[in-house]
Amino acid sequence: MKNPLTQLTNTTRHEALVISQLIMTFMKDYELRQAMASQDLVRLIIEKGIYLPILRDEIYCQLIQQTTQNPKK
């Protein structure tokens, strides 16, 4: 993903892209350089939504996009 799905400030745009990588890693569509357990990925995504409430809609939209008609199982 090159751009966030929602309107964000320049500061939070980077965080949205990080979240995208975390979600894709959890879904096994992307591989991080260092291995992380699934629960750690989920914890990081949730923490970003807790500490940066402006990202909650972005997280929701990314989860919907990733789980809707995703050819990988």
C-alpha atoms as a PDB file:
ATOM      1  CA  MET A   1       0.000   0.000   0.000  1.00  0.00           C
ATOM      2  CA  LYS A   2       1.420   3.349  -0.984  1.00  0.00           C
ATOM      3  CA  ASN A   3      -1.259   5.637   0.435  1.00  0.00           C
ATOM      4  CA  PRO A   4      -3.567   5.459   3.443  1.00  0.00           C
ATOM      5  CA  LEU A   5      -7.239   4.694   2.837  1.00  0.00           C
ATOM      6  CA  THR A   6      -8.441   7.635   4.941  1.00  0.00           C
ATOM      7  CA  GLN A   7      -7.520  11.315   5.184  1.00  0.00           C
ATOM      8  CA  LEU A   8      -4.545  11.609   7.534  1.00  0.00           C
ATOM      9  CA  THR A   9      -1.930  14.177   8.453  1.00  0.00           C
ATOM     10  CA  ASN A  10       1.627  13.754   7.236  1.00  0.00           C
ATOM     11  CA  THR A  11       2.610  12.578  10.716  1.00  0.00           C
ATOM     12  CA  THR A  12       0.091   9.743  10.798  1.00  0.00           C
ATOM     13  CA  ARG A  13       0.463   8.710   7.135  1.00  0.00           C
ATOM     14  CA  HIS A  14       3.673   6.849   7.960  1.00  0.00           C
ATOM     15  CA  GLU A  15       1.985   5.051  10.856  1.00  0.00           C
ATOM     16  CA  ALA A  16      -0.833   3.973   8.506  1.00  0.00           C
ATOM     17  CA  LEU A  17       1.701   2.393   6.163  1.00  0.00           C
ATOM     18  CA  VAL A  18       3.362   0.596   9.076  1.00  0.00           C
ATOM     19  CA  ILE A  19      -0.055  -0.725  10.127  1.00  0.00           C
ATOM     20  CA  SER A  20      -0.618  -1.948   6.580  1.00  0.00           C
ATOM     21  CA  GLN A  21       2.612  -3.946   6.718  1.00  0.00           C
ATOM     22  CA  LEU A  22       1.648  -5.403  10.094  1.00  0.00           C
ATOM     23  CA  ILE A  23      -1.778  -6.471   8.810  1.00  0.00           C
ATOM     24  CA  MET A  24      -0.312  -7.988   5.645  1.00  0.00           C
ATOM     25  CA  THR A  25       2.286  -9.819   7.732  1.00  0.00           C
ATOM     26  CA  PHE A  26      -0.441 -11.223   9.972  1.00  0.00           C
ATOM     27  CA  MET A  27      -2.349 -12.348   6.863  1.00  0.00           C
ATOM     28  CA  LYS A  28       0.866 -13.922   5.499  1.00  0.00           C
ATOM     29  CA  ASP A  29       0.901 -11.588   2.455  1.00  0.00           C
ATOM     30  CA  TYR A  30       4.112  -9.865   3.554  1.00  0.00           C
ATOM     31  CA  GLU A  31       7.199 -10.971   5.426  1.00  0.00           C
ATOM     32  CA  LEU A  32       9.045  -8.850   7.972  1.00  0.00           C
ATOM     33  CA  ARG A  33      12.816  -9.038   8.330  1.00  0.00           C
ATOM     34  CA  GLN A  34      12.479 -10.240  11.901  1.00  0.00           C
ATOM     35  CA  ALA A  35      10.010 -12.959  12.810  1.00  0.00           C
ATOM     36  CA  MET A  36       7.126 -11.954  15.055  1.00  0.00           C
ATOM     37  CA  ALA A  37       4.421 -14.047  16.650  1.00  0.00           C
ATOM     38  CA  SER A  38       0.862 -13.448  15.448  1.00  0.00           C
ATOM     39  CA  GLN A  39      -0.246 -12.186  18.852  1.00  0.00           C
ATOM     40  CA  ASP A  40       2.580  -9.622  18.831  1.00  0.00           C
ATOM     41  CA  LEU A  41       1.438  -8.317  15.441  1.00  0.00           C
ATOM     42  CA  VAL A  42      -2.145  -7.980  16.681  1.00  0.00           C
ATOM     43  CA  ARG A  43      -0.960  -6.273  19.872  1.00  0.00           C
ATOM     44  CA  LEU A  44       1.018  -3.699  17.875  1.00  0.00           C
ATOM     45  CA  ILE A  45      -1.951  -2.925  15.622  1.00  0.00           C
ATOM     46  CA  ILE A  46      -4.281  -2.515  18.614  1.00  0.00           C
ATOM     47  CA  GLU A  47      -1.772  -0.367  20.501  1.00  0.00           C
ATOM     48  CA  LYS A  48      -1.471   2.002  17.550  1.00  0.00           C
ATOM     49  CA  GLY A  49      -5.251   2.442  17.595  1.00  0.00           C
ATOM     50  CA  ILE A  50      -5.230   3.056  21.341  1.00  0.00           C
ATOM     51  CA  TYR A  51      -2.386   5.587  21.347  1.00  0.00           C
ATOM     52  CA  LEU A  52      -3.339   7.297  18.072  1.00  0.00           C
ATOM     53  CA  PRO A  53      -7.155   7.387  17.945  1.00  0.00           C
ATOM     54  CA  ILE A  54      -7.027   9.176  14.570  1.00  0.00           C
ATOM     55  CA  LEU A  55      -5.797   5.869  13.099  1.00  0.00           C
ATOM     56  CA  ARG A  56      -8.790   3.791  14.240  1.00  0.00           C
ATOM     57  CA  ASP A  57     -10.812   4.370  11.056  1.00  0.00           C
ATOM     58  CA  GLU A  58      -7.705   3.638   8.989  1.00  0.00           C
ATOM     59  CA  ILE A  59      -7.129   0.345  10.815  1.00  0.00           C
ATOM     60  CA  TYR A  60     -10.776  -0.619  10.329  1.00  0.00           C
ATOM     61  CA  CYS A  61     -10.678   0.195   6.592  1.00  0.00           C
ATOM     62  CA  GLN A  62      -7.434  -1.714   6.112  1.00  0.00           C
ATOM     63  CA  LEU A  63      -8.818  -4.776   7.894  1.00  0.00           C
ATOM     64  CA  ILE A  64     -11.961  -4.713   5.759  1.00  0.00           C
ATOM     65  CA  GLN A  65      -9.944  -4.290   2.574  1.00  0.00           C
ATOM     66  CA  GLN A  66      -7.536  -7.071   3.515  1.00  0.00           C
ATOM     67  CA  THR A  67     -10.231  -9.566   4.456  1.00  0.00           C
ATOM     68  CA  THR A  68     -12.656  -8.853   1.609  1.00  0.00           C
ATOM     69  CA  GLN A  69     -12.049 -10.967  -1.466  1.00  0.00           C
ATOM     70  CA  ASN A  70      -8.484 -11.759  -0.465  1.00  0.00           C
ATOM     71  CA  PRO A  71      -7.383 -14.681  -2.659  1.00  0.00           C
ATOM     72  CA  LYS A  72      -4.905 -15.973  -0.060  1.00  0.00           C
ATOM     73  CA  LYS A  73      -6.241 -18.230   2.656  1.00  0.00           C
END
